[in-house]
Amino acid sequence: MRKFAAAVLFILTLAAPSFAEIVSLRGIVVDVPAGWKIDAGEELLIFNKEETSAVTVTSISKNFELSLKIAAFNLSQAVGVPQKNVRSSTAGEVHMSFVQNGEKVSVRLIEEKGSILMICAIGDDKLLPHVAQSVSFRAGAKKPPSKVPVLPYRDGQVKVE
């Protein structure tokens, strides 16, 4: 029994992703896996070492005319995603997925105070959903969510060329 438990623990250790650090830049917090890189220019770019998958984080300043709902509508129109494929979560987030230039793209929009964050996950690295979901405004966050809802690309959604 001990050998079995040790074997299961060893397999779980190998299967669990290793995360290097939780990074806080410009009031945005993200969990960055070991081996991934960050480029903090006008946008925050987090990408895997092969540069085949990335998360981009764009901060949009709100004004009296812009709300999360309007930003989501404008984005869906720009990339050709029908409104029926734009999903709102109970946490007040907006999600949409599509294919652009042959790449799977998943977008999450969140808002707090005077800003909207647009978090785009591009590619298919197995850690990509976790990295994208870990992005938040909470500068005091000590760890990312323990259960990460994965919003996979759904076949039949809009393909944008």
C-alpha atoms as a PDB file:
ATOM      1  CA  MET A   1       0.000   0.000   0.000  1.00  0.00           C
ATOM      2  CA  ARG A   2       2.835   2.394   0.834  1.00  0.00           C
ATOM      3  CA  LYS A   3       4.481   1.711  -2.518  1.00  0.00           C
ATOM      4  CA  PHE A   4       1.212   2.438  -4.301  1.00  0.00           C
ATOM      5  CA  ALA A   5       0.711   5.709  -2.386  1.00  0.00           C
ATOM      6  CA  ALA A   6       4.314   6.742  -3.086  1.00  0.00           C
ATOM      7  CA  ALA A   7       3.857   5.965  -6.799  1.00  0.00           C
ATOM      8  CA  VAL A   8       0.642   8.017  -6.971  1.00  0.00           C
ATOM      9  CA  LEU A   9       2.312  10.933  -5.165  1.00  0.00           C
ATOM     10  CA  PHE A  10       5.290  10.755  -7.547  1.00  0.00           C
ATOM     11  CA  ILE A  11       3.023  10.770 -10.620  1.00  0.00           C
ATOM     12  CA  LEU A  12       1.004  13.703  -9.254  1.00  0.00           C
ATOM     13  CA  THR A  13       4.230  15.613  -8.606  1.00  0.00           C
ATOM     14  CA  LEU A  14       5.322  15.088 -12.208  1.00  0.00           C
ATOM     15  CA  ALA A  15       1.895  16.022 -13.571  1.00  0.00           C
ATOM     16  CA  ALA A  16       1.489  19.185 -11.483  1.00  0.00           C
ATOM     17  CA  PRO A  17       2.660  22.328 -13.240  1.00  0.00           C
ATOM     18  CA  SER A  18       5.501  24.183 -11.597  1.00  0.00           C
ATOM     19  CA  PHE A  19       4.944  27.897 -11.296  1.00  0.00           C
ATOM     20  CA  ALA A  20       7.932  30.136 -10.878  1.00  0.00           C
ATOM     21  CA  GLU A  21       6.287  33.171  -9.374  1.00  0.00           C
ATOM     22  CA  ILE A  22       3.315  35.426  -9.057  1.00  0.00           C
ATOM     23  CA  VAL A  23       4.195  38.687 -10.794  1.00  0.00           C
ATOM     24  CA  SER A  24       2.603  42.064 -10.086  1.00  0.00           C
ATOM     25  CA  LEU A  25       3.058  44.796 -12.691  1.00  0.00           C
ATOM     26  CA  ARG A  26       1.064  48.024 -12.965  1.00  0.00           C
ATOM     27  CA  GLY A  27      -1.553  46.717 -10.525  1.00  0.00           C
ATOM     28  CA  ILE A  28      -2.045  43.520 -12.548  1.00  0.00           C
ATOM     29  CA  VAL A  29      -1.204  40.157 -10.998  1.00  0.00           C
ATOM     30  CA  VAL A  30      -0.433  37.012 -13.004  1.00  0.00           C
ATOM     31  CA  ASP A  31       0.913  33.560 -12.155  1.00  0.00           C
ATOM     32  CA  VAL A  32       3.902  32.929 -14.444  1.00  0.00           C
ATOM     33  CA  PRO A  33       4.951  29.287 -14.977  1.00  0.00           C
ATOM     34  CA  ALA A  34       8.590  28.255 -14.792  1.00  0.00           C
ATOM     35  CA  GLY A  35      10.246  28.808 -18.168  1.00  0.00           C
ATOM     36  CA  TRP A  36       7.684  31.363 -19.383  1.00  0.00           C
ATOM     37  CA  LYS A  37       8.752  34.938 -20.129  1.00  0.00           C
ATOM     38  CA  ILE A  38       7.179  38.362 -19.623  1.00  0.00           C
ATOM     39  CA  ASP A  39       7.459  41.400 -21.862  1.00  0.00           C
ATOM     40  CA  ALA A  40       5.973  44.508 -20.272  1.00  0.00           C
ATOM     41  CA  GLY A  41       5.597  47.103 -23.028  1.00  0.00           C
ATOM     42  CA  GLU A  42       2.335  48.909 -23.750  1.00  0.00           C
ATOM     43  CA  GLU A  43       0.664  45.541 -23.253  1.00  0.00           C
ATOM     44  CA  LEU A  44       1.677  42.797 -20.882  1.00  0.00           C
ATOM     45  CA  LEU A  45       2.818  39.738 -22.857  1.00  0.00           C
ATOM     46  CA  ILE A  46       3.392  36.381 -21.156  1.00  0.00           C
ATOM     47  CA  PHE A  47       4.639  33.607 -23.447  1.00  0.00           C
ATOM     48  CA  ASN A  48       5.990  30.067 -23.215  1.00  0.00           C
ATOM     49  CA  LYS A  49       9.646  29.297 -23.917  1.00  0.00           C
ATOM     50  CA  GLU A  50       8.871  27.944 -27.402  1.00  0.00           C
ATOM     51  CA  GLU A  51       6.933  31.148 -28.162  1.00  0.00           C
ATOM     52  CA  THR A  52       4.022  29.065 -29.481  1.00  0.00           C
ATOM     53  CA  SER A  53       1.473  30.244 -26.907  1.00  0.00           C
ATOM     54  CA  ALA A  54       0.942  33.607 -25.266  1.00  0.00           C
ATOM     55  CA  VAL A  55      -1.326  35.626 -23.031  1.00  0.00           C
ATOM     56  CA  THR A  56      -1.665  39.328 -23.787  1.00  0.00           C
ATOM     57  CA  VAL A  57      -3.142  41.710 -21.243  1.00  0.00           C
ATOM     58  CA  THR A  58      -4.377  45.076 -22.450  1.00  0.00           C
ATOM     59  CA  SER A  59      -5.694  47.712 -20.066  1.00  0.00           C
ATOM     60  CA  ILE A  60      -8.496  49.882 -21.434  1.00  0.00           C
ATOM     61  CA  SER A  61      -9.406  53.082 -19.587  1.00  0.00           C
ATOM     62  CA  LYS A  62     -13.133  53.451 -19.057  1.00  0.00           C
ATOM     63  CA  ASN A  63     -14.997  56.681 -19.613  1.00  0.00           C
ATOM     64  CA  PHE A  64     -18.643  57.599 -19.221  1.00  0.00           C
ATOM     65  CA  GLU A  65     -19.477  55.983 -22.590  1.00  0.00           C
ATOM     66  CA  LEU A  66     -17.523  52.727 -22.202  1.00  0.00           C
ATOM     67  CA  SER A  67     -18.708  49.795 -20.118  1.00  0.00           C
ATOM     68  CA  LEU A  68     -17.695  46.142 -20.038  1.00  0.00           C
ATOM     69  CA  LYS A  69     -20.776  45.249 -22.067  1.00  0.00           C
ATOM     70  CA  ILE A  70     -19.998  47.840 -24.770  1.00  0.00           C
ATOM     71  CA  ALA A  71     -16.321  46.813 -24.898  1.00  0.00           C
ATOM     72  CA  ALA A  72     -17.353  43.151 -25.340  1.00  0.00           C
ATOM     73  CA  PHE A  73     -19.869  44.076 -28.043  1.00  0.00           C
ATOM     74  CA  ASN A  74     -17.288  46.173 -29.938  1.00  0.00           C
ATOM     75  CA  LEU A  75     -14.672  43.415 -29.710  1.00  0.00           C
ATOM     76  CA  SER A  76     -17.103  40.726 -30.877  1.00  0.00           C
ATOM     77  CA  GLN A  77     -18.060  42.909 -33.864  1.00  0.00           C
ATOM     78  CA  ALA A  78     -14.394  43.575 -34.706  1.00  0.00           C
ATOM     79  CA  VAL A  79     -13.459  39.869 -34.768  1.00  0.00           C
ATOM     80  CA  GLY A  80     -16.761  38.591 -36.165  1.00  0.00           C
ATOM     81  CA  VAL A  81     -18.030  36.646 -33.163  1.00  0.00           C
ATOM     82  CA  PRO A  82     -21.860  36.505 -33.061  1.00  0.00           C
ATOM     83  CA  GLN A  83     -23.426  37.819 -29.844  1.00  0.00           C
ATOM     84  CA  LYS A  84     -24.824  34.335 -29.088  1.00  0.00           C
ATOM     85  CA  ASN A  85     -21.201  33.125 -28.701  1.00  0.00           C
ATOM     86  CA  VAL A  86     -20.296  35.881 -26.214  1.00  0.00           C
ATOM     87  CA  ARG A  87     -20.699  34.457 -22.703  1.00  0.00           C
ATOM     88  CA  SER A  88     -21.046  36.350 -19.426  1.00  0.00           C
ATOM     89  CA  SER A  89     -20.057  34.673 -16.178  1.00  0.00           C
ATOM     90  CA  THR A  90     -21.608  35.079 -12.760  1.00  0.00           C
ATOM     91  CA  ALA A  91     -18.369  36.806 -11.687  1.00  0.00           C
ATOM     92  CA  GLY A  92     -19.158  39.680 -14.060  1.00  0.00           C
ATOM     93  CA  GLU A  93     -16.636  38.610 -16.695  1.00  0.00           C
ATOM     94  CA  VAL A  94     -17.218  38.287 -20.430  1.00  0.00           C
ATOM     95  CA  HIS A  95     -15.729  35.430 -22.494  1.00  0.00           C
ATOM     96  CA  MET A  96     -15.490  34.646 -26.188  1.00  0.00           C
ATOM     97  CA  SER A  97     -13.462  32.221 -28.304  1.00  0.00           C
ATOM     98  CA  PHE A  98     -12.636  32.182 -31.991  1.00  0.00           C
ATOM     99  CA  VAL A  99      -9.938  31.263 -34.525  1.00  0.00           C
ATOM    100  CA  GLN A 100      -7.903  34.008 -36.160  1.00  0.00           C
ATOM    101  CA  ASN A 101      -5.202  33.312 -38.750  1.00  0.00           C
ATOM    102  CA  GLY A 102      -5.375  29.615 -37.860  1.00  0.00           C
ATOM    103  CA  GLU A 103      -4.746  30.210 -34.131  1.00  0.00           C
ATOM    104  CA  LYS A 104      -7.193  29.481 -31.313  1.00  0.00           C
ATOM    105  CA  VAL A 105      -7.963  32.649 -29.345  1.00  0.00           C
ATOM    106  CA  SER A 106      -9.829  32.852 -26.041  1.00  0.00           C
ATOM    107  CA  VAL A 107     -10.669  36.314 -24.670  1.00  0.00           C
ATOM    108  CA  ARG A 108     -11.725  37.265 -21.140  1.00  0.00           C
ATOM    109  CA  LEU A 109     -12.780  40.805 -20.252  1.00  0.00           C
ATOM    110  CA  ILE A 110     -12.857  41.937 -16.620  1.00  0.00           C
ATOM    111  CA  GLU A 111     -13.401  45.351 -15.075  1.00  0.00           C
ATOM    112  CA  GLU A 112     -12.600  47.124 -11.872  1.00  0.00           C
ATOM    113  CA  LYS A 113     -13.008  50.776 -11.008  1.00  0.00           C
ATOM    114  CA  GLY A 114     -11.848  52.825 -13.997  1.00  0.00           C
ATOM    115  CA  SER A 115     -10.325  50.062 -16.136  1.00  0.00           C
ATOM    116  CA  ILE A 116     -11.168  47.046 -18.248  1.00  0.00           C
ATOM    117  CA  LEU A 117      -8.620  44.287 -18.774  1.00  0.00           C
ATOM    118  CA  MET A 118      -8.723  42.355 -22.035  1.00  0.00           C
ATOM    119  CA  ILE A 119      -6.927  39.037 -21.543  1.00  0.00           C
ATOM    120  CA  CYS A 120      -6.262  37.119 -24.772  1.00  0.00           C
ATOM    121  CA  ALA A 121      -4.937  33.558 -24.711  1.00  0.00           C
ATOM    122  CA  ILE A 122      -3.463  32.454 -28.031  1.00  0.00           C
ATOM    123  CA  GLY A 123      -2.130  28.960 -28.736  1.00  0.00           C
ATOM    124  CA  ASP A 124      -2.560  25.547 -27.178  1.00  0.00           C
ATOM    125  CA  ASP A 125       0.046  25.138 -24.420  1.00  0.00           C
ATOM    126  CA  LYS A 126      -1.473  23.079 -21.593  1.00  0.00           C
ATOM    127  CA  LEU A 127      -0.644  25.835 -19.052  1.00  0.00           C
ATOM    128  CA  LEU A 128      -2.237  28.593 -21.143  1.00  0.00           C
ATOM    129  CA  PRO A 129      -5.727  28.433 -19.532  1.00  0.00           C
ATOM    130  CA  HIS A 130      -4.230  28.649 -16.041  1.00  0.00           C
ATOM    131  CA  VAL A 131      -2.024  31.634 -16.901  1.00  0.00           C
ATOM    132  CA  ALA A 132      -4.916  33.484 -18.582  1.00  0.00           C
ATOM    133  CA  GLN A 133      -7.316  32.785 -15.707  1.00  0.00           C
ATOM    134  CA  SER A 134      -4.751  33.870 -13.085  1.00  0.00           C
ATOM    135  CA  VAL A 135      -4.654  37.453 -14.424  1.00  0.00           C
ATOM    136  CA  SER A 136      -6.407  39.854 -12.059  1.00  0.00           C
ATOM    137  CA  PHE A 137      -6.457  43.411 -10.764  1.00  0.00           C
ATOM    138  CA  ARG A 138      -5.811  42.312  -7.198  1.00  0.00           C
ATOM    139  CA  ALA A 139      -2.327  43.584  -6.374  1.00  0.00           C
ATOM    140  CA  GLY A 140      -2.543  41.925  -2.959  1.00  0.00           C
ATOM    141  CA  ALA A 141      -3.361  38.459  -4.276  1.00  0.00           C
ATOM    142  CA  LYS A 142      -1.177  35.813  -2.707  1.00  0.00           C
ATOM    143  CA  LYS A 143      -2.032  32.947  -5.026  1.00  0.00           C
ATOM    144  CA  PRO A 144      -4.101  32.294  -8.145  1.00  0.00           C
ATOM    145  CA  PRO A 145      -7.506  30.585  -8.004  1.00  0.00           C
ATOM    146  CA  SER A 146      -7.241  26.925  -7.010  1.00  0.00           C
ATOM    147  CA  LYS A 147      -9.928  25.800  -9.448  1.00  0.00           C
ATOM    148  CA  VAL A 148      -9.460  27.356 -12.852  1.00  0.00           C
ATOM    149  CA  PRO A 149     -12.485  27.240 -15.148  1.00  0.00           C
ATOM    150  CA  VAL A 150     -11.192  26.366 -18.609  1.00  0.00           C
ATOM    151  CA  LEU A 151     -12.953  28.000 -21.526  1.00  0.00           C
ATOM    152  CA  PRO A 152     -11.857  25.895 -24.493  1.00  0.00           C
ATOM    153  CA  TYR A 153     -12.316  26.852 -28.112  1.00  0.00           C
ATOM    154  CA  ARG A 154     -15.533  25.322 -29.348  1.00  0.00           C
ATOM    155  CA  ASP A 155     -15.711  23.851 -32.828  1.00  0.00           C
ATOM    156  CA  GLY A 156     -18.288  25.618 -34.926  1.00  0.00           C
ATOM    157  CA  GLN A 157     -17.453  29.049 -33.614  1.00  0.00           C
ATOM    158  CA  VAL A 158     -16.416  31.826 -35.945  1.00  0.00           C
ATOM    159  CA  LYS A 159     -13.168  31.479 -37.847  1.00  0.00           C
ATOM    160  CA  VAL A 160     -11.640  34.847 -38.665  1.00  0.00           C
ATOM    161  CA  GLU A 161      -8.983  35.028 -41.388  1.00  0.00           C
END
